[in-house]
């Protein structure tokens, strides 16, 4: 019966406790992704802490919704929505110049 659920715009909900179906979907999708990112980054930082006590790790949020969830993830140091696309463009330009 989920086909009857309304489409919900991907935007920050007013509260984690949805008072409407759309608000509940937004809370689950947006805040759920932010919580998942926060948890994964925290685990990565914990695991890499032993490599170097002086290491500074930059956590870059990328993708179309980077600016939406980044304020909710305390470890993010930079936002670049086009990082991956820019990297692919650079690789493509290098391949063209090398006549591959």
N, C-alpha and C. Protein backbone atom coordinates (compact mmCIF):
# COMPACT_ATOMS: atom_id res chain seq x y z
N UNK A 1 0.79 -1.19 0.00
CA UNK A 1 0.00 0.00 0.00
C UNK A 1 0.85 1.27 0.00
N UNK A 2 2.18 1.15 -0.09
CA UNK A 2 3.01 2.35 -0.08
C UNK A 2 2.83 3.19 -1.35
N UNK A 3 2.25 2.63 -2.37
CA UNK A 3 1.99 3.40 -3.59
C UNK A 3 1.07 4.58 -3.31
N UNK A 4 0.35 4.52 -2.22
CA UNK A 4 -0.57 5.59 -1.88
C UNK A 4 0.10 6.72 -1.11
N UNK A 5 1.37 6.54 -0.74
CA UNK A 5 2.09 7.61 -0.04
C UNK A 5 2.34 8.76 -1.01
N UNK A 6 2.26 10.00 -0.51
CA UNK A 6 2.49 11.14 -1.40
C UNK A 6 3.99 11.32 -1.68
N UNK A 7 4.28 11.95 -2.81
CA UNK A 7 5.66 12.34 -3.08
C UNK A 7 6.01 13.46 -2.12
N UNK A 8 7.22 13.40 -1.57
CA UNK A 8 7.65 14.42 -0.62
C UNK A 8 8.87 15.12 -1.18
N UNK A 9 8.89 16.44 -1.21
CA UNK A 9 10.09 17.14 -1.68
C UNK A 9 11.24 16.88 -0.71
N UNK A 10 12.43 16.75 -1.25
CA UNK A 10 13.60 16.51 -0.41
C UNK A 10 14.05 17.86 0.16
N UNK A 11 13.61 18.11 1.38
CA UNK A 11 13.96 19.35 2.07
C UNK A 11 13.96 19.09 3.56
N UNK A 12 14.62 19.99 4.30
CA UNK A 12 14.73 19.83 5.74
C UNK A 12 13.35 19.94 6.39
N UNK A 13 12.97 18.94 7.19
CA UNK A 13 11.68 19.03 7.87
C UNK A 13 11.75 20.02 9.03
N UNK A 14 10.59 20.47 9.46
CA UNK A 14 10.53 21.40 10.58
C UNK A 14 10.93 20.72 11.88
N UNK A 15 10.66 19.44 11.99
CA UNK A 15 10.93 18.70 13.22
C UNK A 15 11.20 17.25 12.89
N UNK A 16 11.90 16.57 13.79
CA UNK A 16 12.14 15.14 13.58
C UNK A 16 10.86 14.34 13.76
N UNK A 17 9.93 14.89 14.53
CA UNK A 17 8.64 14.25 14.73
C UNK A 17 7.67 14.79 13.69
N UNK A 18 7.48 14.06 12.63
CA UNK A 18 6.60 14.52 11.56
C UNK A 18 5.17 14.65 12.04
N UNK A 19 4.57 15.75 11.75
CA UNK A 19 3.17 15.96 12.11
C UNK A 19 2.25 15.69 10.92
N UNK A 20 2.87 15.46 9.77
CA UNK A 20 2.13 15.09 8.56
C UNK A 20 2.86 13.93 7.92
N UNK A 21 2.24 13.30 6.96
CA UNK A 21 2.90 12.20 6.25
C UNK A 21 4.14 12.71 5.52
N UNK A 22 4.01 13.85 4.84
CA UNK A 22 5.16 14.42 4.11
C UNK A 22 6.27 14.77 5.09
N UNK A 23 5.93 15.40 6.21
CA UNK A 23 6.93 15.74 7.22
C UNK A 23 7.63 14.52 7.78
N UNK A 24 6.89 13.44 7.96
CA UNK A 24 7.48 12.20 8.46
C UNK A 24 8.43 11.58 7.43
N UNK A 25 8.04 11.61 6.17
CA UNK A 25 8.91 11.09 5.10
C UNK A 25 10.19 11.92 5.03
N UNK A 26 10.05 13.23 5.09
CA UNK A 26 11.22 14.12 5.04
C UNK A 26 12.15 13.86 6.23
N UNK A 27 11.58 13.72 7.41
CA UNK A 27 12.40 13.46 8.59
C UNK A 27 13.17 12.16 8.42
N UNK A 28 12.51 11.13 7.93
CA UNK A 28 13.18 9.85 7.74
C UNK A 28 14.26 9.91 6.68
N UNK A 29 13.97 10.55 5.57
CA UNK A 29 14.92 10.59 4.46
C UNK A 29 16.08 11.55 4.76
N UNK A 30 15.78 12.79 5.05
CA UNK A 30 16.83 13.81 5.20
C UNK A 30 17.60 13.63 6.51
N UNK A 31 16.89 13.57 7.62
CA UNK A 31 17.59 13.44 8.90
C UNK A 31 18.19 12.05 9.06
N UNK A 32 17.57 11.05 8.45
CA UNK A 32 18.16 9.70 8.47
C UNK A 32 19.49 9.66 7.73
N UNK A 33 19.57 10.30 6.57
CA UNK A 33 20.83 10.35 5.82
C UNK A 33 21.89 11.12 6.59
N UNK A 34 21.49 12.22 7.22
CA UNK A 34 22.45 13.00 8.01
C UNK A 34 22.97 12.19 9.18
N UNK A 35 22.09 11.48 9.87
CA UNK A 35 22.51 10.65 11.01
C UNK A 35 23.43 9.52 10.55
N UNK A 36 23.12 8.93 9.40
CA UNK A 36 23.96 7.86 8.87
C UNK A 36 25.35 8.40 8.52
N UNK A 37 25.40 9.55 7.87
CA UNK A 37 26.69 10.14 7.52
C UNK A 37 27.48 10.47 8.78
N UNK A 38 26.84 11.06 9.76
CA UNK A 38 27.50 11.39 11.03
C UNK A 38 28.09 10.14 11.68
N UNK A 39 27.32 9.07 11.73
CA UNK A 39 27.79 7.83 12.34
C UNK A 39 28.95 7.20 11.59
N UNK A 40 28.87 7.17 10.26
CA UNK A 40 29.94 6.58 9.46
C UNK A 40 31.23 7.39 9.57
N UNK A 41 31.11 8.71 9.51
CA UNK A 41 32.29 9.56 9.61
C UNK A 41 32.92 9.40 10.99
N UNK A 42 32.12 9.34 12.02
CA UNK A 42 32.64 9.17 13.38
C UNK A 42 33.43 7.86 13.49
N UNK A 43 32.91 6.79 12.91
CA UNK A 43 33.63 5.51 12.92
C UNK A 43 34.94 5.60 12.15
N UNK A 44 34.91 6.28 10.99
CA UNK A 44 36.13 6.44 10.20
C UNK A 44 37.18 7.23 10.97
N UNK A 45 36.76 8.30 11.61
CA UNK A 45 37.70 9.12 12.39
C UNK A 45 38.28 8.32 13.56
N UNK A 46 37.45 7.50 14.18
CA UNK A 46 37.93 6.66 15.28
C UNK A 46 38.96 5.65 14.78
N UNK A 47 38.70 5.03 13.64
CA UNK A 47 39.61 4.03 13.09
C UNK A 47 40.92 4.65 12.59
N UNK A 48 40.87 5.88 12.09
CA UNK A 48 42.09 6.50 11.55
C UNK A 48 42.86 7.27 12.60
N UNK A 49 42.34 7.40 13.81
CA UNK A 49 43.00 8.17 14.87
C UNK A 49 44.39 7.62 15.18
N UNK A 50 44.60 6.34 15.04
CA UNK A 50 45.89 5.74 15.36
C UNK A 50 46.95 5.92 14.30
N UNK A 51 46.59 6.37 13.11
CA UNK A 51 47.57 6.51 12.03
C UNK A 51 48.53 7.65 12.29
N UNK A 52 48.03 8.76 12.72
CA UNK A 52 48.88 9.93 12.96
C UNK A 52 48.16 10.86 13.92
N UNK A 53 48.84 11.21 14.99
CA UNK A 53 48.21 12.10 15.96
C UNK A 53 48.13 13.53 15.44
N UNK A 54 48.93 13.85 14.41
CA UNK A 54 48.92 15.21 13.87
C UNK A 54 48.09 15.33 12.59
N UNK A 55 47.49 14.23 12.16
CA UNK A 55 46.72 14.26 10.91
C UNK A 55 45.45 15.08 11.08
N UNK A 56 45.19 15.91 10.08
CA UNK A 56 43.94 16.66 10.03
C UNK A 56 43.15 16.10 8.86
N UNK A 57 41.99 15.60 9.15
CA UNK A 57 41.19 15.00 8.10
C UNK A 57 40.14 16.00 7.63
N UNK A 58 40.07 16.17 6.33
CA UNK A 58 39.04 17.01 5.74
C UNK A 58 37.90 16.10 5.31
N UNK A 59 36.72 16.44 5.74
CA UNK A 59 35.53 15.68 5.36
C UNK A 59 34.73 16.57 4.42
N UNK A 60 34.63 16.13 3.17
CA UNK A 60 33.97 16.93 2.14
C UNK A 60 32.63 16.29 1.79
N UNK A 61 31.59 17.08 1.87
CA UNK A 61 30.27 16.63 1.49
C UNK A 61 30.07 16.96 0.01
N UNK A 62 29.67 15.97 -0.77
CA UNK A 62 29.52 16.18 -2.20
C UNK A 62 28.18 15.61 -2.67
N UNK A 63 27.74 16.05 -3.80
CA UNK A 63 26.49 15.57 -4.36
C UNK A 63 25.40 16.62 -4.30
N UNK A 64 24.31 16.33 -4.93
CA UNK A 64 23.22 17.29 -5.09
C UNK A 64 22.57 17.77 -3.81
N UNK A 65 22.60 16.96 -2.77
CA UNK A 65 21.96 17.35 -1.52
C UNK A 65 22.99 17.66 -0.43
N UNK A 66 24.24 17.91 -0.83
CA UNK A 66 25.31 18.16 0.14
C UNK A 66 24.99 19.35 1.05
N UNK A 67 24.52 20.42 0.49
CA UNK A 67 24.23 21.62 1.30
C UNK A 67 23.03 21.41 2.24
N UNK A 68 22.18 20.48 1.89
CA UNK A 68 21.00 20.22 2.72
C UNK A 68 21.38 19.50 4.01
N UNK A 69 22.18 18.44 3.90
CA UNK A 69 22.48 17.66 5.11
C UNK A 69 23.73 18.13 5.85
N UNK A 70 24.62 18.87 5.20
CA UNK A 70 25.88 19.26 5.83
C UNK A 70 25.72 20.00 7.15
N UNK A 71 24.77 20.91 7.30
CA UNK A 71 24.62 21.58 8.59
C UNK A 71 24.26 20.62 9.73
N UNK A 72 23.75 19.44 9.39
CA UNK A 72 23.35 18.46 10.40
C UNK A 72 24.47 17.49 10.76
N UNK A 73 25.61 17.57 10.04
CA UNK A 73 26.72 16.63 10.25
C UNK A 73 27.92 17.41 10.75
N UNK A 74 28.25 17.24 12.01
CA UNK A 74 29.26 18.09 12.65
C UNK A 74 30.67 17.91 12.09
N UNK A 75 30.97 16.78 11.49
CA UNK A 75 32.33 16.51 11.03
C UNK A 75 32.65 17.09 9.66
N UNK A 76 31.67 17.53 8.92
CA UNK A 76 31.91 18.03 7.56
C UNK A 76 32.64 19.37 7.62
N UNK A 77 33.77 19.43 6.90
CA UNK A 77 34.59 20.65 6.90
C UNK A 77 34.43 21.46 5.63
N UNK A 78 33.87 20.85 4.59
CA UNK A 78 33.74 21.55 3.31
C UNK A 78 32.60 20.95 2.52
N UNK A 79 31.95 21.77 1.72
CA UNK A 79 30.88 21.31 0.84
C UNK A 79 31.28 21.63 -0.60
N UNK A 80 31.21 20.64 -1.46
CA UNK A 80 31.49 20.82 -2.89
C UNK A 80 30.58 19.87 -3.66
N UNK A 81 29.43 20.38 -4.08
CA UNK A 81 28.43 19.53 -4.74
C UNK A 81 28.96 18.87 -6.01
N UNK A 82 29.92 19.50 -6.66
CA UNK A 82 30.38 19.01 -7.97
C UNK A 82 31.74 18.33 -7.93
N UNK A 83 32.22 17.96 -6.77
CA UNK A 83 33.57 17.40 -6.65
C UNK A 83 33.79 16.20 -7.57
N UNK A 84 32.88 15.27 -7.56
CA UNK A 84 33.04 14.06 -8.37
C UNK A 84 32.93 14.40 -9.86
N UNK A 85 31.97 15.23 -10.22
CA UNK A 85 31.82 15.60 -11.62
C UNK A 85 33.04 16.37 -12.12
N UNK A 86 33.59 17.26 -11.29
CA UNK A 86 34.80 17.99 -11.67
C UNK A 86 35.97 17.03 -11.85
N UNK A 87 36.09 16.05 -10.97
CA UNK A 87 37.15 15.05 -11.11
C UNK A 87 37.03 14.26 -12.39
N UNK A 88 35.82 13.86 -12.72
CA UNK A 88 35.61 13.12 -13.97
C UNK A 88 35.93 13.99 -15.19
N UNK A 89 35.57 15.28 -15.12
CA UNK A 89 35.89 16.19 -16.22
C UNK A 89 37.40 16.30 -16.39
N UNK A 90 38.13 16.45 -15.29
CA UNK A 90 39.59 16.56 -15.34
C UNK A 90 40.19 15.29 -15.93
N UNK A 91 39.71 14.14 -15.51
CA UNK A 91 40.21 12.88 -16.06
C UNK A 91 39.93 12.79 -17.56
N UNK A 92 38.74 13.23 -17.97
CA UNK A 92 38.40 13.23 -19.39
C UNK A 92 39.31 14.15 -20.19
N UNK A 93 39.60 15.32 -19.65
CA UNK A 93 40.49 16.25 -20.33
C UNK A 93 41.91 15.69 -20.44
N UNK A 94 42.36 15.01 -19.39
CA UNK A 94 43.69 14.39 -19.44
C UNK A 94 43.74 13.29 -20.50
N UNK A 95 42.67 12.50 -20.57
CA UNK A 95 42.62 11.43 -21.56
C UNK A 95 42.65 11.99 -22.98
N UNK A 96 41.93 13.09 -23.20
CA UNK A 96 41.91 13.70 -24.52
C UNK A 96 43.28 14.24 -24.90
N UNK A 97 43.97 14.86 -23.94
CA UNK A 97 45.27 15.43 -24.25
C UNK A 97 46.34 14.36 -24.44
N UNK A 98 46.11 13.17 -23.86
CA UNK A 98 47.06 12.08 -24.01
C UNK A 98 46.74 11.22 -25.23
N UNK A 99 45.67 11.58 -25.94
CA UNK A 99 45.21 10.83 -27.13
C UNK A 99 44.96 9.36 -26.83
N UNK A 100 44.27 9.13 -25.74
CA UNK A 100 43.97 7.73 -25.37
C UNK A 100 42.71 7.30 -26.06
